C-alpha atoms as a PDB file:
ATOM      1  CA  MET A   1     133.376 142.120 157.295  1.00  0.00           C
ATOM      2  CA  LYS A   2     134.736 144.402 159.289  1.00  0.00           C
ATOM      3  CA  ASN A   3     137.735 142.817 160.975  1.00  0.00           C
ATOM      4  CA  TYR A   4     140.616 141.095 158.254  1.00  0.00           C
ATOM      5  CA  ASP A   5     140.702 137.583 158.837  1.00  0.00           C
ATOM      6  CA  PRO A   6     143.465 135.839 156.601  1.00  0.00           C
ATOM      7  CA  TRP A   7     142.189 132.102 157.665  1.00  0.00           C
ATOM      8  CA  VAL A   8     138.821 133.046 155.820  1.00  0.00           C
ATOM      9  CA  PHE A   9     140.641 133.912 152.509  1.00  0.00           C
ATOM     10  CA  LEU A  10     142.246 130.338 153.345  1.00  0.00           C
ATOM     11  CA  ALA A  11     138.990 128.366 153.791  1.00  0.00           C
ATOM     12  CA  VAL A  12     137.594 129.736 150.562  1.00  0.00           C
ATOM     13  CA  PHE A  13     140.462 129.547 148.293  1.00  0.00           C
ATOM     14  CA  GLN A  14     140.781 125.622 149.750  1.00  0.00           C
ATOM     15  CA  GLU A  15     137.235 125.334 149.069  1.00  0.00           C
ATOM     16  CA  MET A  16     137.460 126.674 145.249  1.00  0.00           C
ATOM     17  CA  LEU A  17     141.031 124.813 144.358  1.00  0.00           C
ATOM     18  CA  GLY A  18     141.296 121.887 146.429  1.00  0.00           C
ATOM     19  CA  PRO A  19     144.404 120.410 146.454  1.00  0.00           C
ATOM     20  CA  LEU A  20     145.656 122.455 143.763  1.00  0.00           C
ATOM     21  CA  LEU A  21     145.782 125.327 146.613  1.00  0.00           C
ATOM     22  CA  TRP A  22     148.853 123.241 147.448  1.00  0.00           C
ATOM     23  CA  ILE A  23     150.175 121.876 144.632  1.00  0.00           C
ATOM     24  CA  LEU A  24     150.363 125.357 142.295  1.00  0.00           C
ATOM     25  CA  PRO A  25     152.364 127.102 145.390  1.00  0.00           C
ATOM     26  CA  LEU A  26     154.882 123.894 145.496  1.00  0.00           C
ATOM     27  CA  LEU A  27     155.121 123.915 141.773  1.00  0.00           C
ATOM     28  CA  ALA A  28     155.570 127.532 141.617  1.00  0.00           C
ATOM     29  CA  LEU A  29     158.547 127.118 144.059  1.00  0.00           C
ATOM     30  CA  GLY A  30     160.231 124.227 142.468  1.00  0.00           C
ATOM     31  CA  THR A  31     159.947 125.927 138.870  1.00  0.00           C
ATOM     32  CA  VAL A  32     162.166 129.221 140.427  1.00  0.00           C
ATOM     33  CA  ALA A  33     164.556 126.750 142.305  1.00  0.00           C
ATOM     34  CA  GLY A  34     165.123 124.688 139.336  1.00  0.00           C
ATOM     35  CA  PHE A  35     165.281 127.873 136.836  1.00  0.00           C
ATOM     36  CA  VAL A  36     167.867 129.789 139.154  1.00  0.00           C
ATOM     37  CA  TRP A  37     169.499 126.874 139.575  1.00  0.00           C
ATOM     38  CA  LEU A  38     169.586 126.099 135.672  1.00  0.00           C
ATOM     39  CA  TRP A  39     170.652 130.006 134.920  1.00  0.00           C
ATOM     40  CA  ARG A  40     173.701 129.599 137.764  1.00  0.00           C
ATOM     41  CA  ARG A  41     174.812 126.703 135.709  1.00  0.00           C
ATOM     42  CA  GLU A  42     174.613 127.627 132.312  1.00  0.00           C
ATOM     43  CA  GLY A  43     175.476 131.358 133.134  1.00  0.00           C
ATOM     44  CA  ARG A  44     173.093 132.895 131.095  1.00  0.00           C
ATOM     45  CA  ILE A  45     169.803 132.669 129.212  1.00  0.00           C
ATOM     46  CA  ALA A  46     169.497 130.999 126.197  1.00  0.00           C
ATOM     47  CA  THR A  47     167.686 133.320 123.556  1.00  0.00           C
ATOM     48  CA  ARG A  48     166.140 129.853 121.561  1.00  0.00           C
ATOM     49  CA  ARG A  49     164.608 127.806 124.380  1.00  0.00           C
ATOM     50  CA  LEU A  50     163.157 131.327 125.808  1.00  0.00           C
ATOM     51  CA  VAL A  51     161.193 132.133 122.812  1.00  0.00           C
ATOM     52  CA  LEU A  52     160.253 128.064 122.710  1.00  0.00           C
ATOM     53  CA  ALA A  53     159.413 128.448 126.411  1.00  0.00           C
ATOM     54  CA  GLU A  54     157.561 132.044 125.897  1.00  0.00           C
ATOM     55  CA  LEU A  55     155.085 130.248 122.802  1.00  0.00           C
ATOM     56  CA  LEU A  56     153.980 127.539 124.835  1.00  0.00           C
ATOM     57  CA  GLY A  57     153.601 130.244 127.843  1.00  0.00           C
ATOM     58  CA  LEU A  58     150.868 131.535 125.427  1.00  0.00           C
ATOM     59  CA  LEU A  59     148.968 128.387 126.113  1.00  0.00           C
ATOM     60  CA  GLY A  60     149.662 128.391 129.772  1.00  0.00           C
ATOM     61  CA  GLY A  61     148.092 131.646 130.336  1.00  0.00           C
ATOM     62  CA  GLY A  62     144.946 130.552 128.500  1.00  0.00           C
ATOM     63  CA  LEU A  63     145.053 126.951 130.426  1.00  0.00           C
ATOM     64  CA  ALA A  64     145.361 129.696 133.673  1.00  0.00           C
ATOM     65  CA  LEU A  65     142.018 131.378 132.340  1.00  0.00           C
ATOM     66  CA  VAL A  66     140.166 127.954 131.861  1.00  0.00           C
ATOM     67  CA  ILE A  67     141.409 126.723 135.344  1.00  0.00           C
ATOM     68  CA  MET A  68     140.064 129.813 136.859  1.00  0.00           C
ATOM     69  CA  ALA A  69     136.580 129.943 134.937  1.00  0.00           C
ATOM     70  CA  ALA A  70     136.451 125.968 136.266  1.00  0.00           C
ATOM     71  CA  ALA A  71     137.264 127.105 139.976  1.00  0.00           C
ATOM     72  CA  SER A  72     135.014 129.684 140.355  1.00  0.00           C
ATOM     73  CA  SER A  73     131.019 129.872 139.194  1.00  0.00           C
ATOM     74  CA  SER A  74     131.124 132.442 136.614  1.00  0.00           C
ATOM     75  CA  GLY A  75     132.484 132.724 133.661  1.00  0.00           C
ATOM     76  CA  PHE A  76     134.051 135.799 131.157  1.00  0.00           C
ATOM     77  CA  THR A  77     130.680 136.923 130.241  1.00  0.00           C
ATOM     78  CA  ASP A  78     130.159 137.533 133.978  1.00  0.00           C
ATOM     79  CA  ALA A  79     133.121 140.137 133.571  1.00  0.00           C
ATOM     80  CA  ALA A  80     131.582 143.540 134.207  1.00  0.00           C
ATOM     81  CA  GLY A  81     134.003 146.041 135.129  1.00  0.00           C
ATOM     82  CA  PRO A  82     137.320 146.913 135.057  1.00  0.00           C
ATOM     83  CA  ALA A  83     138.395 145.249 138.127  1.00  0.00           C
ATOM     84  CA  ASP A  84     137.211 141.964 136.521  1.00  0.00           C
ATOM     85  CA  TRP A  85     139.152 142.382 133.146  1.00  0.00           C
ATOM     86  CA  PHE A  86     141.836 143.327 135.410  1.00  0.00           C
ATOM     87  CA  LEU A  87     141.529 140.007 137.209  1.00  0.00           C
ATOM     88  CA  ILE A  88     141.617 138.496 133.934  1.00  0.00           C
ATOM     89  CA  LEU A  89     144.558 139.941 132.831  1.00  0.00           C
ATOM     90  CA  ILE A  90     146.363 139.158 136.303  1.00  0.00           C
ATOM     91  CA  VAL A  91     145.357 135.492 135.789  1.00  0.00           C
ATOM     92  CA  TYR A  92     146.485 135.073 132.203  1.00  0.00           C
ATOM     93  CA  GLY A  93     149.909 136.809 133.014  1.00  0.00           C
ATOM     94  CA  VAL A  94     150.605 134.545 135.706  1.00  0.00           C
ATOM     95  CA  GLY A  95     150.117 131.307 134.087  1.00  0.00           C
ATOM     96  CA  PHE A  96     152.215 132.747 130.908  1.00  0.00           C
ATOM     97  CA  VAL A  97     155.076 133.428 133.073  1.00  0.00           C
ATOM     98  CA  GLY A  98     154.543 130.416 135.259  1.00  0.00           C
ATOM     99  CA  THR A  99     154.415 128.520 132.409  1.00  0.00           C
ATOM    100  CA  THR A 100     157.271 129.960 130.385  1.00  0.00           C
ATOM    101  CA  LEU A 101     159.858 129.731 133.537  1.00  0.00           C
ATOM    102  CA  LEU A 102     158.507 126.163 133.753  1.00  0.00           C
ATOM    103  CA  THR A 103     159.026 124.845 130.145  1.00  0.00           C
ATOM    104  CA  TYR A 104     162.446 126.740 129.889  1.00  0.00           C
ATOM    105  CA  THR A 105     163.702 124.770 132.956  1.00  0.00           C
ATOM    106  CA  ILE A 106     162.081 121.818 132.175  1.00  0.00           C
ATOM    107  CA  MET A 107     163.994 122.068 128.229  1.00  0.00           C
ATOM    108  CA  GLY A 108     167.118 123.474 130.085  1.00  0.00           C
ATOM    109  CA  TRP A 109     167.356 120.029 132.369  1.00  0.00           C
ATOM    110  CA  LEU A 110     166.268 117.758 129.379  1.00  0.00           C
ATOM    111  CA  ALA A 111     169.426 119.195 127.656  1.00  0.00           C
ATOM    112  CA  GLY A 112     171.502 118.190 129.882  1.00  0.00           C
ATOM    113  CA  GLY A 113     174.886 119.059 130.339  1.00  0.00           C
ATOM    114  CA  ARG A 114     175.302 120.857 127.224  1.00  0.00           C
ATOM    115  CA  ARG A 115     175.818 124.985 127.218  1.00  0.00           C
ATOM    116  CA  PRO A 116     173.183 126.347 124.818  1.00  0.00           C
ATOM    117  CA  GLN A 117     173.581 127.275 121.558  1.00  0.00           C
ATOM    118  CA  THR A 118     174.112 130.774 120.402  1.00  0.00           C
ATOM    119  CA  ALA A 119     171.002 132.621 118.446  1.00  0.00           C
END
């Protein structure tokens, strides 16, 4: 592969993920927008809500690894070098952060107009 062609990567990811390739970035964009809007509305981060969201983020990181294993043709036993393990850590981290932001935002919007309790 002498030439860099981003369309090749798009085609490979489209083949691997199918509709998730488009759903996940839209979900991420909506989550970040909702989080920023909630943060501006409340004026601060609610610590109790954040801790609960982080606990659910642990599960979200694991779910991201399950999705990664299902989307690829290899499993965790095929990880041989440091680059493979680094990629696994990145996938877990993205799943953790994404789930934490999503659950924090959902819990904040479900709380309605109430101000968050102090911890």
